[in-house]
């Protein structure tokens, strides 16, 4: 016994050393240089070898991992961007494969309630010796012989609640995978549409800033004429500073636009060097007046795929809990039939034998306590059910809050658009009046350029708020379950 205890302690110490290999030196080396070059090359070569001869992998690579396709014609329409994204988005592809996996699990669950047929062949070399016996017949019982056994067994579940719940669970999991696919489509469409609007917003801002820089340059050209009426020479430096500041803003906005175009290229699978400004239907503006916040929240609860997926997750967790309870405590009734052929070359009494046994019966198994030796699975599934319920309540609360906030934001943006339109109209009238004064000789082109600068700023503000409203409308539509690709 002391030797056994000492051996156990030594084995424990060795095991500790075996599972504590992530030393500080090893981690520091990995952080500094990554995997060794030989290991990287081996892994890459192994992956390429597995993928190169696989038709499915080749099909997926052609669709999802290839370089972005070129798009002649310059600016790309939002319809082309959305079509490309829905065709090549990896998230949609993974969601589609999840449906395939759910279908396969459902088929396997159904197979669990179909007949189970197994064939077995067993070969044994038997060495028998009678050590002691009170039967005189067995006293000479000593033999060394082979035994070959071939059997075929069929089992058919009759009552097995765990398997029944497994089939229902597989159906629910398939529905969840389908909802996840719908969610992936709608989410991709929204994200791409929002990127497009952000790019259009940046493009419009650059155009207005270019126009503003041109007006400043026009002011600089006419400044010498205005010096004759007493304008200070310091105005040159002020205009030059304004022009440089606008140039910096243009450079920053162009960098933002390039980043957005790069993200659109990745999302759509096509090269997007520029975006077309789409015509927006007039009925889009004022959407918040067509539907109340309460009605929008109710619509989201009915149509939002994230909420629907969370609801299905609750049903899935409930079925898993019921399946676990049935597996832990439910009796199982099954029928079985077995055909067995045994060929014994010899026996303790000399001579061999060949027998065939055909057995038909019914087996009732009743789990009493810790039947599988791993405790009770339903204890964990009960916790998972509560987690699924909490996830549903959390998702519902989040979507509800986002719908309400977006609805209120659309109302505020509508007011901002109205004020920006008023400001632009006023700036346009003032600019026109100033131009008329130039015709009569009362004013100068310098003053007209100043008014046009204000008009340009007002137009930039209006374009910004209009596109910002469209982004809020797109989010509102996505939250309430609409598909922006339609």
Protein backbone atom coordinates (compact mmCIF):
# COMPACT_ATOMS: atom_id res chain seq x y z
CA UNK A 1 0.00 0.00 0.00
CA UNK A 2 2.73 2.58 0.76
CA UNK A 3 4.25 1.84 -2.64
CA UNK A 4 0.89 2.45 -4.31
CA UNK A 5 0.45 5.76 -2.51
CA UNK A 6 3.99 6.83 -3.39
CA UNK A 7 3.39 5.89 -7.02
CA UNK A 8 0.17 7.89 -7.11
CA UNK A 9 1.93 10.94 -5.67
CA UNK A 10 4.75 10.62 -8.20
CA UNK A 11 2.26 10.25 -11.06
CA UNK A 12 0.40 13.32 -9.83
CA UNK A 13 3.63 15.31 -9.86
CA UNK A 14 4.44 14.14 -13.38
CA UNK A 15 0.93 15.05 -14.54
CA UNK A 16 1.34 18.56 -13.14
CA UNK A 17 4.49 18.94 -15.19
CA UNK A 18 2.78 17.64 -18.30
CA UNK A 19 -0.07 20.17 -18.15
CA UNK A 20 2.09 23.17 -17.21
CA UNK A 21 4.20 23.54 -20.33
CA UNK A 22 3.26 27.18 -21.06
CA UNK A 23 6.32 28.61 -19.37
CA UNK A 24 7.11 32.32 -19.39
CA UNK A 25 10.00 31.77 -21.80
CA UNK A 26 7.84 29.82 -24.23
CA UNK A 27 5.05 32.41 -24.14
CA UNK A 28 7.52 35.25 -24.65
CA UNK A 29 8.99 33.51 -27.68
CA UNK A 30 5.55 32.93 -29.17
CA UNK A 31 4.57 36.55 -28.61
CA UNK A 32 7.77 37.78 -30.24
CA UNK A 33 8.00 35.56 -33.31
CA UNK A 34 4.82 33.49 -33.49
CA UNK A 35 4.87 29.84 -34.49
CA UNK A 36 8.18 28.43 -35.72
CA UNK A 37 8.61 28.68 -39.49
CA UNK A 38 8.67 24.90 -39.93
CA UNK A 39 5.40 24.53 -38.03
CA UNK A 40 3.71 27.29 -40.05
CA UNK A 41 4.86 25.75 -43.33
CA UNK A 42 3.65 22.32 -42.25
CA UNK A 43 0.21 23.59 -41.27
CA UNK A 44 -0.19 25.65 -44.45
CA UNK A 45 0.91 22.75 -46.63
CA UNK A 46 -1.48 20.40 -44.86
CA UNK A 47 -4.40 22.80 -45.26
CA UNK A 48 -3.65 23.41 -48.94
CA UNK A 49 -3.38 19.68 -49.56
CA UNK A 50 -6.77 19.06 -47.93
CA UNK A 51 -8.46 21.91 -49.78
CA UNK A 52 -6.91 21.44 -53.22
CA UNK A 53 -8.57 18.11 -53.91
CA UNK A 54 -11.97 18.94 -52.45
CA UNK A 55 -14.68 19.99 -54.90
CA UNK A 56 -16.80 21.62 -52.21
CA UNK A 57 -13.84 23.63 -50.95
CA UNK A 58 -13.04 24.74 -54.51
CA UNK A 59 -16.64 25.91 -55.00
CA UNK A 60 -16.59 27.84 -51.74
CA UNK A 61 -13.22 29.38 -52.56
CA UNK A 62 -14.45 30.59 -55.94
CA UNK A 63 -17.41 32.29 -54.30
CA UNK A 64 -16.06 33.61 -51.01
CA UNK A 65 -12.27 33.86 -51.02
CA UNK A 66 -11.44 35.04 -54.51
CA UNK A 67 -10.34 38.61 -55.30
CA UNK A 68 -13.02 41.23 -55.73
CA UNK A 69 -14.36 41.43 -59.26
CA UNK A 70 -13.67 44.54 -61.28
CA UNK A 71 -16.54 46.88 -62.08
CA UNK A 72 -16.04 48.93 -65.24
CA UNK A 73 -17.97 52.15 -65.47
CA UNK A 74 -16.75 54.02 -62.38
CA UNK A 75 -19.46 54.68 -59.80
CA UNK A 76 -21.34 51.61 -58.59
CA UNK A 77 -25.06 51.62 -57.84
CA UNK A 78 -26.44 50.58 -54.49
CA UNK A 79 -28.36 47.77 -56.23
CA UNK A 80 -25.13 46.27 -57.59
CA UNK A 81 -23.43 46.57 -54.20
CA UNK A 82 -26.33 44.85 -52.42
CA UNK A 83 -26.52 42.10 -55.04
CA UNK A 84 -22.80 41.41 -54.73
CA UNK A 85 -22.98 41.37 -50.92
CA UNK A 86 -25.88 38.91 -50.83
CA UNK A 87 -24.00 36.66 -53.25
CA UNK A 88 -20.60 36.63 -51.55
CA UNK A 89 -21.11 37.54 -47.86
CA UNK A 90 -19.32 34.95 -45.69
CA UNK A 91 -21.92 35.37 -42.92
CA UNK A 92 -24.68 34.31 -45.30
CA UNK A 93 -22.60 31.39 -46.52
CA UNK A 94 -21.99 30.20 -42.95
CA UNK A 95 -25.69 30.55 -42.16
CA UNK A 96 -26.53 28.41 -45.20
CA UNK A 97 -24.10 25.72 -44.06
CA UNK A 98 -25.71 25.86 -40.61
CA UNK A 99 -29.02 24.94 -42.27
CA UNK A 100 -27.33 21.96 -43.93
CA UNK A 101 -25.91 20.90 -40.56
CA UNK A 102 -29.33 21.25 -38.91
CA UNK A 103 -30.92 19.11 -41.63
CA UNK A 104 -28.26 16.45 -41.07
CA UNK A 105 -28.86 16.49 -37.30
CA UNK A 106 -32.59 16.16 -37.87
CA UNK A 107 -32.03 13.14 -40.12
CA UNK A 108 -29.78 11.57 -37.50
CA UNK A 109 -32.40 12.18 -34.82
CA UNK A 110 -34.99 10.37 -36.96
CA UNK A 111 -32.55 7.49 -37.49
CA UNK A 112 -32.43 7.18 -33.72
CA UNK A 113 -36.00 5.82 -33.78
CA UNK A 114 -35.51 3.44 -36.71
CA UNK A 115 -34.28 -0.19 -36.40
CA UNK A 116 -30.65 -0.57 -35.37
CA UNK A 117 -28.93 -3.51 -37.03
CA UNK A 118 -25.44 -4.65 -36.09
CA UNK A 119 -23.33 -7.62 -37.20
CA UNK A 120 -20.36 -8.90 -35.21
CA UNK A 121 -17.73 -11.59 -35.69
CA UNK A 122 -15.63 -12.61 -32.70
CA UNK A 123 -12.69 -14.98 -32.57
CA UNK A 124 -11.40 -16.35 -29.24
CA UNK A 125 -8.60 -18.71 -28.26
CA UNK A 126 -9.80 -20.46 -25.11
CA UNK A 127 -7.51 -22.25 -22.66
CA UNK A 128 -9.58 -23.99 -19.99
CA UNK A 129 -8.36 -25.80 -16.92
CA UNK A 130 -10.47 -27.07 -14.07
CA UNK A 131 -8.70 -26.01 -10.90
CA UNK A 132 -11.11 -27.62 -8.43
CA UNK A 133 -14.55 -29.16 -8.62
CA UNK A 134 -16.86 -31.48 -6.71
CA UNK A 135 -18.16 -32.91 -9.99
CA UNK A 136 -16.29 -36.01 -11.12
CA UNK A 137 -17.25 -35.36 -14.73
CA UNK A 138 -15.32 -32.10 -14.72
CA UNK A 139 -12.16 -33.53 -13.17
CA UNK A 140 -10.54 -34.12 -16.52
CA UNK A 141 -11.85 -30.80 -17.89
CA UNK A 142 -8.87 -29.33 -19.67
CA UNK A 143 -8.85 -27.99 -23.23
CA UNK A 144 -7.22 -25.47 -25.56
CA UNK A 145 -9.39 -24.54 -28.55
CA UNK A 146 -10.58 -21.61 -30.71
CA UNK A 147 -14.16 -20.28 -30.73
CA UNK A 148 -15.65 -18.30 -33.61
CA UNK A 149 -18.92 -16.45 -32.96
CA UNK A 150 -20.92 -14.60 -35.61
CA UNK A 151 -24.06 -12.68 -34.68
CA UNK A 152 -26.64 -10.31 -36.14
CA UNK A 153 -28.76 -8.19 -33.81
CA UNK A 154 -31.73 -5.94 -34.50
CA UNK A 155 -33.08 -3.44 -31.95
CA UNK A 156 -36.16 -1.31 -32.36
CA UNK A 157 -37.09 1.41 -29.83
CA UNK A 158 -40.75 1.23 -28.90
CA UNK A 159 -40.99 3.86 -26.18
CA UNK A 160 -38.03 6.23 -25.69
CA UNK A 161 -39.01 9.75 -24.69
CA UNK A 162 -35.44 10.98 -24.94
CA UNK A 163 -35.28 10.07 -28.63
CA UNK A 164 -38.72 11.55 -29.27
CA UNK A 165 -37.67 14.84 -27.72
CA UNK A 166 -34.48 14.59 -29.77
CA UNK A 167 -36.52 14.60 -32.99
CA UNK A 168 -38.57 17.59 -31.84
CA UNK A 169 -35.38 19.35 -30.78
CA UNK A 170 -33.81 18.73 -34.20
CA UNK A 171 -36.86 20.26 -35.90
CA UNK A 172 -36.60 23.32 -33.66
CA UNK A 173 -32.86 23.62 -34.29
CA UNK A 174 -33.51 23.55 -38.03
CA UNK A 175 -36.06 26.36 -37.66
CA UNK A 176 -33.52 28.36 -35.67
CA UNK A 177 -30.91 27.86 -38.40
CA UNK A 178 -33.40 29.09 -41.02
CA UNK A 179 -34.18 32.16 -38.93
CA UNK A 180 -30.43 32.75 -38.49
CA UNK A 181 -30.07 32.67 -42.28
CA UNK A 182 -32.84 35.27 -42.67
CA UNK A 183 -31.14 37.36 -39.99
CA UNK A 184 -27.80 37.10 -41.80
CA UNK A 185 -29.39 38.28 -45.07
CA UNK A 186 -31.13 41.23 -43.43
CA UNK A 187 -28.10 42.16 -41.34
CA UNK A 188 -25.80 42.06 -44.37
CA UNK A 189 -28.22 44.16 -46.41
CA UNK A 190 -28.47 46.75 -43.65
CA UNK A 191 -24.73 46.95 -43.00
CA UNK A 192 -23.95 47.33 -46.70
CA UNK A 193 -26.74 49.89 -47.19
CA UNK A 194 -25.48 51.89 -44.20
CA UNK A 195 -21.92 51.79 -45.58
CA UNK A 196 -23.24 52.99 -48.94
CA UNK A 197 -25.09 55.89 -47.30
CA UNK A 198 -22.00 56.82 -45.28
CA UNK A 199 -19.94 56.82 -48.48
CA UNK A 200 -22.57 58.91 -50.27
CA UNK A 201 -22.58 61.29 -47.30
CA UNK A 202 -18.80 61.63 -47.47
CA UNK A 203 -18.87 62.10 -51.25
CA UNK A 204 -21.49 64.87 -50.99
CA UNK A 205 -19.48 66.61 -48.27
CA UNK A 206 -16.33 66.51 -50.41
CA UNK A 207 -18.23 68.02 -53.36
CA UNK A 208 -19.52 70.89 -51.23
CA UNK A 209 -16.09 71.53 -49.71
CA UNK A 210 -14.55 71.58 -53.20
CA UNK A 211 -17.17 74.11 -54.21
CA UNK A 212 -16.40 76.15 -51.09
CA UNK A 213 -12.67 76.10 -51.85
CA UNK A 214 -13.42 77.31 -55.37
CA UNK A 215 -15.45 80.21 -53.98
CA UNK A 216 -12.59 81.14 -51.65
CA UNK A 217 -10.22 81.10 -54.64
CA UNK A 218 -12.66 83.38 -56.45
CA UNK A 219 -12.56 85.75 -53.48
CA UNK A 220 -8.78 85.78 -53.59
CA UNK A 221 -8.81 86.69 -57.28
CA UNK A 222 -11.12 89.66 -56.74
CA UNK A 223 -9.48 90.87 -53.56
CA UNK A 224 -7.10 93.25 -55.33
CA UNK A 225 -10.01 95.16 -56.82
CA UNK A 226 -11.56 95.54 -53.38
CA UNK A 227 -8.33 96.91 -51.90
CA UNK A 228 -9.04 100.12 -53.75
CA UNK A 229 -12.01 100.77 -51.46
CA UNK A 230 -9.97 100.30 -48.27
CA UNK A 231 -10.03 96.54 -47.55
CA UNK A 232 -7.11 95.60 -45.32
CA UNK A 233 -4.29 93.56 -46.81
CA UNK A 234 -4.62 91.13 -43.91
CA UNK A 235 -7.70 89.67 -45.59
CA UNK A 236 -5.33 87.88 -48.00
CA UNK A 237 -3.88 85.88 -45.11
CA UNK A 238 -7.37 85.13 -43.73
CA UNK A 239 -8.58 83.77 -47.07
CA UNK A 240 -5.42 81.73 -47.51
CA UNK A 241 -5.91 80.22 -44.04
CA UNK A 242 -9.55 79.41 -44.85
CA UNK A 243 -8.50 77.75 -48.09
CA UNK A 244 -5.86 75.66 -46.34
CA UNK A 245 -8.32 74.61 -43.61
CA UNK A 246 -10.83 73.52 -46.22
CA UNK A 247 -8.06 71.61 -47.99
CA UNK A 248 -7.24 69.74 -44.77
CA UNK A 249 -10.92 68.88 -44.28
CA UNK A 250 -11.13 67.62 -47.87
CA UNK A 251 -8.06 65.41 -47.38
CA UNK A 252 -9.49 63.97 -44.16
CA UNK A 253 -12.88 63.34 -45.77
CA UNK A 254 -11.27 61.68 -48.78
CA UNK A 255 -9.41 59.34 -46.43
CA UNK A 256 -12.73 58.52 -44.76
CA UNK A 257 -14.33 57.92 -48.16
CA UNK A 258 -11.53 55.56 -49.22
CA UNK A 259 -11.95 53.57 -46.01
CA UNK A 260 -15.71 53.27 -46.62
CA UNK A 261 -15.16 52.27 -50.24
CA UNK A 262 -12.70 49.59 -49.08
CA UNK A 263 -15.25 48.22 -46.63
CA UNK A 264 -17.88 48.21 -49.39
CA UNK A 265 -15.48 46.31 -51.67
CA UNK A 266 -14.93 43.68 -49.00
CA UNK A 267 -18.62 43.40 -48.19
CA UNK A 268 -19.83 43.23 -51.81
CA UNK A 269 -17.05 41.22 -53.45
CA UNK A 270 -16.64 43.84 -56.20
CA UNK A 271 -14.23 46.73 -56.54
CA UNK A 272 -16.04 49.91 -55.47
CA UNK A 273 -14.03 52.99 -56.44
CA UNK A 274 -17.03 55.31 -56.36
CA UNK A 275 -20.72 55.19 -55.51
CA UNK A 276 -23.71 56.46 -57.39
CA UNK A 277 -26.10 58.73 -55.52
CA UNK A 278 -29.43 56.94 -55.71
CA UNK A 279 -32.77 58.72 -55.97
CA UNK A 280 -34.60 58.38 -52.67
CA UNK A 281 -38.38 57.87 -52.78
CA UNK A 282 -40.18 60.82 -51.27
CA UNK A 283 -42.32 58.69 -48.97
CA UNK A 284 -39.20 57.60 -47.04
CA UNK A 285 -38.96 60.97 -45.32
CA UNK A 286 -41.51 61.33 -42.58
CA UNK A 287 -41.71 57.61 -41.84
CA UNK A 288 -41.96 58.36 -38.10
CA UNK A 289 -45.27 60.16 -38.78
CA UNK A 290 -46.68 57.12 -40.57
CA UNK A 291 -46.15 54.67 -37.71
CA UNK A 292 -46.14 55.27 -33.97
CA UNK A 293 -43.30 54.21 -31.70
CA UNK A 294 -45.55 51.66 -29.97
CA UNK A 295 -46.64 50.13 -33.29
CA UNK A 296 -43.02 50.00 -34.43
CA UNK A 297 -42.02 48.17 -31.24
CA UNK A 298 -44.80 45.64 -31.75
CA UNK A 299 -43.76 45.17 -35.37
CA UNK A 300 -40.18 44.54 -34.26
CA UNK A 301 -41.32 41.95 -31.74
CA UNK A 302 -43.15 40.12 -34.50
CA UNK A 303 -40.66 40.45 -37.35
CA UNK A 304 -37.18 41.13 -35.99
CA UNK A 305 -35.11 37.98 -36.69
CA UNK A 306 -32.94 38.41 -33.60
CA UNK A 307 -36.00 38.37 -31.33
CA UNK A 308 -37.45 35.42 -33.23
CA UNK A 309 -34.16 33.55 -32.95
CA UNK A 310 -34.08 34.23 -29.20
CA UNK A 311 -37.66 32.92 -28.84
CA UNK A 312 -36.73 29.75 -30.71
CA UNK A 313 -33.67 29.49 -28.45
CA UNK A 314 -36.01 29.35 -25.44
CA UNK A 315 -38.05 26.58 -27.06
CA UNK A 316 -34.84 24.74 -27.95
CA UNK A 317 -33.55 24.97 -24.38
CA UNK A 318 -36.88 23.73 -23.04
CA UNK A 319 -36.76 20.68 -25.32
CA UNK A 320 -33.17 20.00 -24.28
CA UNK A 321 -34.27 20.11 -20.66
CA UNK A 322 -37.16 17.70 -21.31
CA UNK A 323 -34.85 15.40 -23.26
CA UNK A 324 -32.39 15.37 -20.38
CA UNK A 325 -35.11 14.57 -17.83
CA UNK A 326 -36.32 11.71 -20.03
CA UNK A 327 -32.77 10.38 -20.38
CA UNK A 328 -32.16 10.62 -16.63
CA UNK A 329 -35.43 9.11 -15.38
CA UNK A 330 -37.57 7.87 -18.28
CA UNK A 331 -38.06 4.12 -18.87
CA UNK A 332 -37.03 2.79 -22.27
CA UNK A 333 -38.88 -0.05 -23.95
CA UNK A 334 -37.30 -1.70 -26.98
CA UNK A 335 -37.72 -4.92 -28.95
CA UNK A 336 -34.75 -6.94 -30.06
CA UNK A 337 -33.94 -9.97 -32.17
CA UNK A 338 -30.58 -11.73 -32.27
CA UNK A 339 -29.23 -14.55 -34.42
CA UNK A 340 -25.95 -16.05 -33.16
CA UNK A 341 -23.77 -18.79 -34.61
CA UNK A 342 -21.04 -20.24 -32.40
CA UNK A 343 -18.38 -22.67 -33.66
CA UNK A 344 -16.31 -24.30 -30.89
CA UNK A 345 -13.43 -26.41 -32.17
CA UNK A 346 -13.14 -28.36 -28.90
CA UNK A 347 -14.35 -28.51 -25.28
CA UNK A 348 -13.34 -29.80 -21.91
CA UNK A 349 -14.89 -33.14 -22.81
CA UNK A 350 -13.34 -33.48 -26.25
CA UNK A 351 -14.99 -32.80 -29.57
CA UNK A 352 -16.32 -29.50 -30.86
CA UNK A 353 -19.76 -28.08 -31.51
CA UNK A 354 -21.58 -25.57 -33.72
CA UNK A 355 -24.74 -23.95 -32.41
CA UNK A 356 -27.24 -21.40 -33.73
CA UNK A 357 -29.37 -19.39 -31.32
CA UNK A 358 -32.28 -17.21 -32.44
CA UNK A 359 -33.55 -14.88 -29.71
CA UNK A 360 -36.53 -12.52 -29.82
CA UNK A 361 -37.51 -10.40 -26.86
CA UNK A 362 -38.53 -7.11 -25.32
CA UNK A 363 -36.32 -5.15 -22.94
CA UNK A 364 -37.52 -2.56 -20.43
CA UNK A 365 -34.79 -0.36 -18.94
CA UNK A 366 -35.62 1.84 -15.96
CA UNK A 367 -32.93 4.32 -14.83
CA UNK A 368 -32.78 4.31 -11.04
CA UNK A 369 -29.76 6.31 -9.98
CA UNK A 370 -26.80 7.67 -11.94
CA UNK A 371 -27.53 5.21 -14.73
CA UNK A 372 -24.80 6.45 -17.10
CA UNK A 373 -22.23 7.16 -14.42
CA UNK A 374 -22.12 10.89 -15.21
CA UNK A 375 -24.74 12.28 -12.86
CA UNK A 376 -27.94 13.99 -14.04
CA UNK A 377 -27.84 15.99 -17.24
CA UNK A 378 -31.11 17.79 -16.53
CA UNK A 379 -29.45 19.82 -13.77
CA UNK A 380 -27.32 21.63 -16.36
CA UNK A 381 -30.13 21.90 -18.90
CA UNK A 382 -32.35 23.66 -16.35
CA UNK A 383 -29.68 26.34 -16.01
CA UNK A 384 -29.31 26.57 -19.79
CA UNK A 385 -33.06 27.12 -20.06
CA UNK A 386 -32.89 30.06 -17.66
CA UNK A 387 -29.97 31.48 -19.64
CA UNK A 388 -31.98 31.19 -22.88
CA UNK A 389 -34.93 32.97 -21.25
CA UNK A 390 -32.65 35.75 -20.02
CA UNK A 391 -31.13 36.05 -23.50
CA UNK A 392 -34.62 36.46 -24.99
CA UNK A 393 -35.64 39.13 -22.46
CA UNK A 394 -32.35 40.97 -22.98
CA UNK A 395 -32.63 40.88 -26.77
CA UNK A 396 -36.25 41.99 -26.67
CA UNK A 397 -35.43 44.89 -24.33
CA UNK A 398 -32.47 45.97 -26.45
CA UNK A 399 -34.42 45.92 -29.73
CA UNK A 400 -37.35 47.71 -28.09
CA UNK A 401 -35.07 50.46 -26.78
CA UNK A 402 -33.30 50.82 -30.15
CA UNK A 403 -36.60 51.04 -32.05
CA UNK A 404 -37.90 53.74 -29.71
CA UNK A 405 -34.66 55.71 -29.82
CA UNK A 406 -34.39 55.47 -33.60
CA UNK A 407 -38.04 56.53 -34.01
CA UNK A 408 -37.39 59.61 -31.84
CA UNK A 409 -34.14 60.34 -33.71
CA UNK A 410 -35.95 60.26 -37.05
CA UNK A 411 -38.40 62.85 -35.72
CA UNK A 412 -35.55 65.12 -34.61
CA UNK A 413 -33.76 64.68 -37.94
CA UNK A 414 -36.97 65.58 -39.79
CA UNK A 415 -37.05 68.87 -37.88
CA UNK A 416 -33.35 69.40 -38.62
CA UNK A 417 -34.00 68.81 -42.34
CA UNK A 418 -36.84 71.33 -42.30
CA UNK A 419 -34.65 73.95 -40.62
CA UNK A 420 -31.76 73.19 -42.99
CA UNK A 421 -34.08 73.60 -45.96
CA UNK A 422 -35.20 76.95 -44.58
CA UNK A 423 -31.60 78.01 -44.06
CA UNK A 424 -30.67 76.98 -47.61
CA UNK A 425 -33.66 78.82 -49.07
CA UNK A 426 -32.74 81.96 -47.12
CA UNK A 427 -29.09 81.69 -48.14
CA UNK A 428 -30.10 81.22 -51.79
CA UNK A 429 -32.34 84.29 -51.70
CA UNK A 430 -29.62 86.40 -50.08
CA UNK A 431 -27.10 85.20 -52.65
CA UNK A 432 -29.50 86.04 -55.48
CA UNK A 433 -30.19 89.47 -54.02
CA UNK A 434 -26.46 90.12 -53.69
CA UNK A 435 -25.95 89.11 -57.30
CA UNK A 436 -28.66 91.57 -58.34
CA UNK A 437 -26.87 94.32 -56.41
CA UNK A 438 -23.71 93.50 -58.35
CA UNK A 439 -25.61 94.05 -61.59
CA UNK A 440 -26.63 97.50 -60.40
CA UNK A 441 -23.13 98.33 -59.20
CA UNK A 442 -24.07 98.57 -55.54
CA UNK A 443 -22.20 95.40 -54.51
CA UNK A 444 -19.11 93.48 -55.58
CA UNK A 445 -18.37 89.89 -56.64
CA UNK A 446 -16.46 89.46 -53.39
CA UNK A 447 -19.69 89.88 -51.42
CA UNK A 448 -21.52 87.48 -53.76
CA UNK A 449 -18.84 84.87 -53.17
CA UNK A 450 -19.26 85.31 -49.42
CA UNK A 451 -22.99 84.72 -49.66
CA UNK A 452 -22.43 81.70 -51.87
CA UNK A 453 -20.08 80.32 -49.24
CA UNK A 454 -22.92 80.51 -46.73
CA UNK A 455 -25.23 78.91 -49.28
CA UNK A 456 -22.72 76.08 -49.81
CA UNK A 457 -22.47 75.50 -46.07
CA UNK A 458 -26.26 75.41 -45.81
CA UNK A 459 -26.45 72.92 -48.70
CA UNK A 460 -23.78 70.72 -47.11
CA UNK A 461 -25.74 70.76 -43.86
CA UNK A 462 -28.97 69.83 -45.64
CA UNK A 463 -27.32 66.97 -47.55
CA UNK A 464 -25.79 65.71 -44.32
CA UNK A 465 -29.11 65.65 -42.46
CA UNK A 466 -30.99 64.07 -45.37
CA UNK A 467 -28.48 61.23 -45.63
CA UNK A 468 -28.33 60.94 -41.83
CA UNK A 469 -32.11 60.54 -41.85
CA UNK A 470 -31.79 57.81 -44.46
CA UNK A 471 -29.27 56.00 -42.24
CA UNK A 472 -31.68 56.24 -39.30
CA UNK A 473 -34.52 55.03 -41.55
CA UNK A 474 -32.41 52.08 -42.68
CA UNK A 475 -31.68 51.13 -39.07
CA UNK A 476 -35.38 51.55 -38.20
CA UNK A 477 -36.39 49.32 -41.12
CA UNK A 478 -33.83 46.68 -40.15
CA UNK A 479 -34.91 46.69 -36.50
CA UNK A 480 -38.57 46.26 -37.47
CA UNK A 481 -37.74 43.26 -39.67
CA UNK A 482 -37.60 44.78 -43.15
CA UNK A 483 -35.19 43.51 -45.78
CA UNK A 484 -33.42 46.49 -47.34
CA UNK A 485 -32.33 44.36 -50.30
CA UNK A 486 -35.92 44.11 -51.57
